[in-house]
Amino acid sequence: MILTPPNIAVLFITSPWRVQKRRLLDHNTQLSGLKSRLENAEAECRRLTKLHENAER
């Protein structure tokens, strides 16, 4: 709550734009986490493939 010069209380309500921006940031964070997990899984797959190939020799 902010008091304006004539002492009128003004409430700042979260705008739909700010809510949308927050949701977008949350989704971007989730996507970033998923991308990281995918990259880790791909690296683990490559590691296991090499291990398997070396075991066959």
Foldseek 3Di string as FASTA:
>chain_A
DDQDPVRDDDDDDDDPVNVVVVVVVVVVVVVVVVVVVVVVVVVVVVVVVVVVVVVVD
